C-alpha atoms as a PDB file:
ATOM      1  CA  MET A   1       4.398 -67.690 -58.196  1.00  0.00           C
ATOM      2  CA  LEU A   2       1.595 -65.422 -57.069  1.00  0.00           C
ATOM      3  CA  ARG A   3       4.034 -63.417 -55.034  1.00  0.00           C
ATOM      4  CA  GLU A   4       5.836 -62.266 -58.081  1.00  0.00           C
ATOM      5  CA  TYR A   5       2.535 -61.174 -59.636  1.00  0.00           C
ATOM      6  CA  GLY A   6       1.638 -59.321 -56.473  1.00  0.00           C
ATOM      7  CA  PHE A   7       4.837 -57.225 -56.827  1.00  0.00           C
ATOM      8  CA  ILE A   8       3.933 -56.478 -60.485  1.00  0.00           C
ATOM      9  CA  ALA A   9       0.398 -55.491 -59.426  1.00  0.00           C
ATOM     10  CA  LEU A  10       1.660 -53.298 -56.532  1.00  0.00           C
ATOM     11  CA  TYR A  11       4.198 -51.582 -58.913  1.00  0.00           C
ATOM     12  CA  SER A  12       1.429 -51.103 -61.594  1.00  0.00           C
ATOM     13  CA  GLY A  13      -0.785 -49.554 -58.983  1.00  0.00           C
ATOM     14  CA  LEU A  14       1.933 -47.170 -57.785  1.00  0.00           C
ATOM     15  CA  VAL A  15       2.817 -46.262 -61.374  1.00  0.00           C
ATOM     16  CA  LEU A  16      -0.813 -45.409 -62.094  1.00  0.00           C
ATOM     17  CA  ALA A  17      -1.390 -43.551 -58.835  1.00  0.00           C
ATOM     18  CA  PHE A  18       1.800 -41.435 -58.874  1.00  0.00           C
ATOM     19  CA  PRO A  19       0.822 -38.955 -61.570  1.00  0.00           C
ATOM     20  CA  PHE A  20      -2.645 -38.474 -60.179  1.00  0.00           C
ATOM     21  CA  LEU A  21      -1.191 -37.875 -56.717  1.00  0.00           C
ATOM     22  CA  GLY A  22       1.088 -35.179 -58.044  1.00  0.00           C
ATOM     23  CA  MET A  23      -1.807 -33.441 -59.992  1.00  0.00           C
ATOM     24  CA  PHE A  24      -3.999 -33.625 -56.963  1.00  0.00           C
ATOM     25  CA  THR A  25      -1.267 -32.125 -54.726  1.00  0.00           C
ATOM     26  CA  ALA A  26      -0.657 -29.337 -57.256  1.00  0.00           C
ATOM     27  CA  TRP A  27      -4.460 -28.687 -57.384  1.00  0.00           C
ATOM     28  CA  ILE A  28      -4.615 -28.415 -53.600  1.00  0.00           C
ATOM     29  CA  LEU A  29      -1.624 -26.181 -53.200  1.00  0.00           C
ATOM     30  CA  ARG A  30      -2.088 -23.902 -56.170  1.00  0.00           C
ATOM     31  CA  PRO A  31      -3.144 -20.210 -55.596  1.00  0.00           C
ATOM     32  CA  LYS A  32      -6.849 -19.718 -56.317  1.00  0.00           C
ATOM     33  CA  LYS A  33      -7.367 -16.041 -57.193  1.00  0.00           C
ATOM     34  CA  PRO A  34      -9.184 -15.864 -60.592  1.00  0.00           C
ATOM     35  CA  ASN A  35     -10.108 -12.594 -62.145  1.00  0.00           C
ATOM     36  CA  ALA A  36     -11.207 -11.288 -65.627  1.00  0.00           C
ATOM     37  CA  ILE A  37      -7.582 -10.438 -66.753  1.00  0.00           C
ATOM     38  CA  LYS A  38      -6.261 -13.919 -65.847  1.00  0.00           C
ATOM     39  CA  ASN A  39      -9.146 -15.691 -67.629  1.00  0.00           C
ATOM     40  CA  SER A  40      -8.765 -13.673 -70.825  1.00  0.00           C
ATOM     41  CA  THR A  41      -7.212 -15.014 -73.952  1.00  0.00           C
ATOM     42  CA  TYR A  42      -3.870 -13.637 -74.966  1.00  0.00           C
ATOM     43  CA  GLU A  43      -1.005 -14.521 -77.330  1.00  0.00           C
ATOM     44  CA  CYS A  44       2.635 -13.749 -76.287  1.00  0.00           C
ATOM     45  CA  GLY A  45       1.378 -11.209 -73.665  1.00  0.00           C
ATOM     46  CA  MET A  46      -0.773  -9.315 -76.138  1.00  0.00           C
ATOM     47  CA  GLU A  47      -4.525  -9.316 -76.385  1.00  0.00           C
ATOM     48  CA  THR A  48      -5.911 -10.970 -79.505  1.00  0.00           C
ATOM     49  CA  ILE A  49      -7.668  -8.973 -82.146  1.00  0.00           C
ATOM     50  CA  GLY A  50     -10.436 -10.672 -84.010  1.00  0.00           C
ATOM     51  CA  ASP A  51     -11.152 -14.398 -84.149  1.00  0.00           C
ATOM     52  CA  THR A  52      -8.557 -16.459 -82.316  1.00  0.00           C
ATOM     53  CA  TRP A  53      -9.433 -19.708 -84.175  1.00  0.00           C
ATOM     54  CA  VAL A  54      -6.947 -20.296 -86.968  1.00  0.00           C
ATOM     55  CA  GLN A  55      -6.965 -23.315 -89.232  1.00  0.00           C
ATOM     56  CA  PHE A  56      -3.462 -24.626 -89.940  1.00  0.00           C
ATOM     57  CA  LYS A  57      -2.451 -26.122 -93.279  1.00  0.00           C
ATOM     58  CA  ALA A  58      -2.068 -29.923 -93.346  1.00  0.00           C
ATOM     59  CA  GLN A  59       1.562 -29.406 -94.608  1.00  0.00           C
ATOM     60  CA  TYR A  60       2.582 -28.465 -90.988  1.00  0.00           C
ATOM     61  CA  TYR A  61       1.324 -31.879 -89.815  1.00  0.00           C
ATOM     62  CA  LEU A  62       3.266 -33.616 -92.538  1.00  0.00           C
ATOM     63  CA  PHE A  63       6.478 -31.905 -91.421  1.00  0.00           C
ATOM     64  CA  ALA A  64       5.814 -32.847 -87.922  1.00  0.00           C
ATOM     65  CA  LEU A  65       5.212 -36.539 -88.819  1.00  0.00           C
ATOM     66  CA  ILE A  66       8.416 -36.662 -90.896  1.00  0.00           C
ATOM     67  CA  PHE A  67      10.266 -35.107 -87.968  1.00  0.00           C
ATOM     68  CA  VAL A  68       8.845 -37.732 -85.606  1.00  0.00           C
ATOM     69  CA  VAL A  69       9.838 -40.546 -87.895  1.00  0.00           C
ATOM     70  CA  PHE A  70      13.459 -39.406 -88.089  1.00  0.00           C
ATOM     71  CA  ASP A  71      13.514 -38.598 -84.401  1.00  0.00           C
ATOM     72  CA  ILE A  72      12.482 -42.201 -83.650  1.00  0.00           C
ATOM     73  CA  GLU A  73      15.201 -43.343 -86.052  1.00  0.00           C
ATOM     74  CA  ALA A  74      17.714 -41.492 -83.859  1.00  0.00           C
ATOM     75  CA  VAL A  75      16.293 -43.223 -80.742  1.00  0.00           C
ATOM     76  CA  PHE A  76      16.905 -46.666 -82.315  1.00  0.00           C
ATOM     77  CA  LEU A  77      20.200 -45.756 -83.976  1.00  0.00           C
ATOM     78  CA  PHE A  78      22.147 -44.397 -80.916  1.00  0.00           C
ATOM     79  CA  PRO A  79      21.887 -47.530 -78.739  1.00  0.00           C
ATOM     80  CA  TRP A  80      22.668 -49.699 -81.742  1.00  0.00           C
ATOM     81  CA  ALA A  81      25.772 -47.592 -82.421  1.00  0.00           C
ATOM     82  CA  VAL A  82      26.892 -47.871 -78.795  1.00  0.00           C
ATOM     83  CA  ALA A  83      26.562 -51.715 -78.811  1.00  0.00           C
ATOM     84  CA  TYR A  84      27.933 -52.088 -82.281  1.00  0.00           C
ATOM     85  CA  GLY A  85      31.160 -53.860 -81.200  1.00  0.00           C
ATOM     86  CA  GLN A  86      29.151 -56.552 -79.367  1.00  0.00           C
ATOM     87  CA  LEU A  87      26.558 -57.181 -82.058  1.00  0.00           C
ATOM     88  CA  GLY A  88      26.975 -59.551 -84.947  1.00  0.00           C
ATOM     89  CA  LEU A  89      26.320 -59.439 -88.604  1.00  0.00           C
ATOM     90  CA  TYR A  90      22.578 -60.057 -88.117  1.00  0.00           C
ATOM     91  CA  ALA A  91      22.222 -56.626 -86.233  1.00  0.00           C
ATOM     92  CA  LEU A  92      24.130 -54.857 -88.980  1.00  0.00           C
ATOM     93  CA  VAL A  93      21.842 -56.338 -91.691  1.00  0.00           C
ATOM     94  CA  GLU A  94      18.743 -55.443 -89.592  1.00  0.00           C
ATOM     95  CA  MET A  95      19.909 -51.823 -89.047  1.00  0.00           C
ATOM     96  CA  ALA A  96      20.642 -51.526 -92.768  1.00  0.00           C
ATOM     97  CA  LEU A  97      17.234 -52.709 -93.636  1.00  0.00           C
ATOM     98  CA  PHE A  98      15.684 -50.281 -91.094  1.00  0.00           C
ATOM     99  CA  LEU A  99      17.614 -47.449 -92.647  1.00  0.00           C
ATOM    100  CA  LEU A 100      16.668 -48.454 -96.227  1.00  0.00           C
ATOM    101  CA  ILE A 101      13.000 -48.365 -95.283  1.00  0.00           C
ATOM    102  CA  LEU A 102      13.326 -44.877 -93.765  1.00  0.00           C
ATOM    103  CA  VAL A 103      15.339 -43.612 -96.761  1.00  0.00           C
ATOM    104  CA  GLY A 104      12.541 -45.052 -98.944  1.00  0.00           C
ATOM    105  CA  GLY A 105       9.962 -43.147 -96.906  1.00  0.00           C
ATOM    106  CA  LEU A 106      11.967 -39.920 -97.297  1.00  0.00           C
ATOM    107  CA  LEU A 107      12.350 -40.451-101.020  1.00  0.00           C
ATOM    108  CA  TYR A 108       8.646 -40.975-101.307  1.00  0.00           C
ATOM    109  CA  ALA A 109       7.836 -37.808 -99.342  1.00  0.00           C
ATOM    110  CA  TRP A 110      10.393 -35.951-101.510  1.00  0.00           C
ATOM    111  CA  ARG A 111       8.906 -37.289-104.703  1.00  0.00           C
ATOM    112  CA  LYS A 112       5.395 -36.295-103.684  1.00  0.00           C
ATOM    113  CA  LYS A 113       6.760 -32.801-102.914  1.00  0.00           C
ATOM    114  CA  ALA A 114       5.623 -33.070 -99.276  1.00  0.00           C
ATOM    115  CA  LEU A 115       8.894 -31.397 -98.205  1.00  0.00           C
ATOM    116  CA  GLU A 116       8.468 -28.240-100.214  1.00  0.00           C
ATOM    117  CA  TRP A 117       7.334 -25.151 -98.279  1.00  0.00           C
ATOM    118  CA  GLN A 118       4.533 -23.324-100.064  1.00  0.00           C
END
């Protein structure tokens, strides 16, 4: 039984080490020629004028969160649709409940006027 856990531990170690190995290799192989122009702040290839710190409205974050919620919905909905023929009535009821909860959240956001651009 410990042998199976040994494989899991080895795999977990490899999974954790792989990204750091790639980042370390990129750090070693990158060209290192810094100068003042490369270290300067720019936006779309143009130098900034004035203060570069801009505070965004919270409404942008609300749009992003609503997008993420419906993006996650698509992630759950596509596999369910592919396996629909093999699933029973229980899966249909569960997906209908899931969609009703999401539609309820959308109606709540709509009623609170979170979707209106100002």
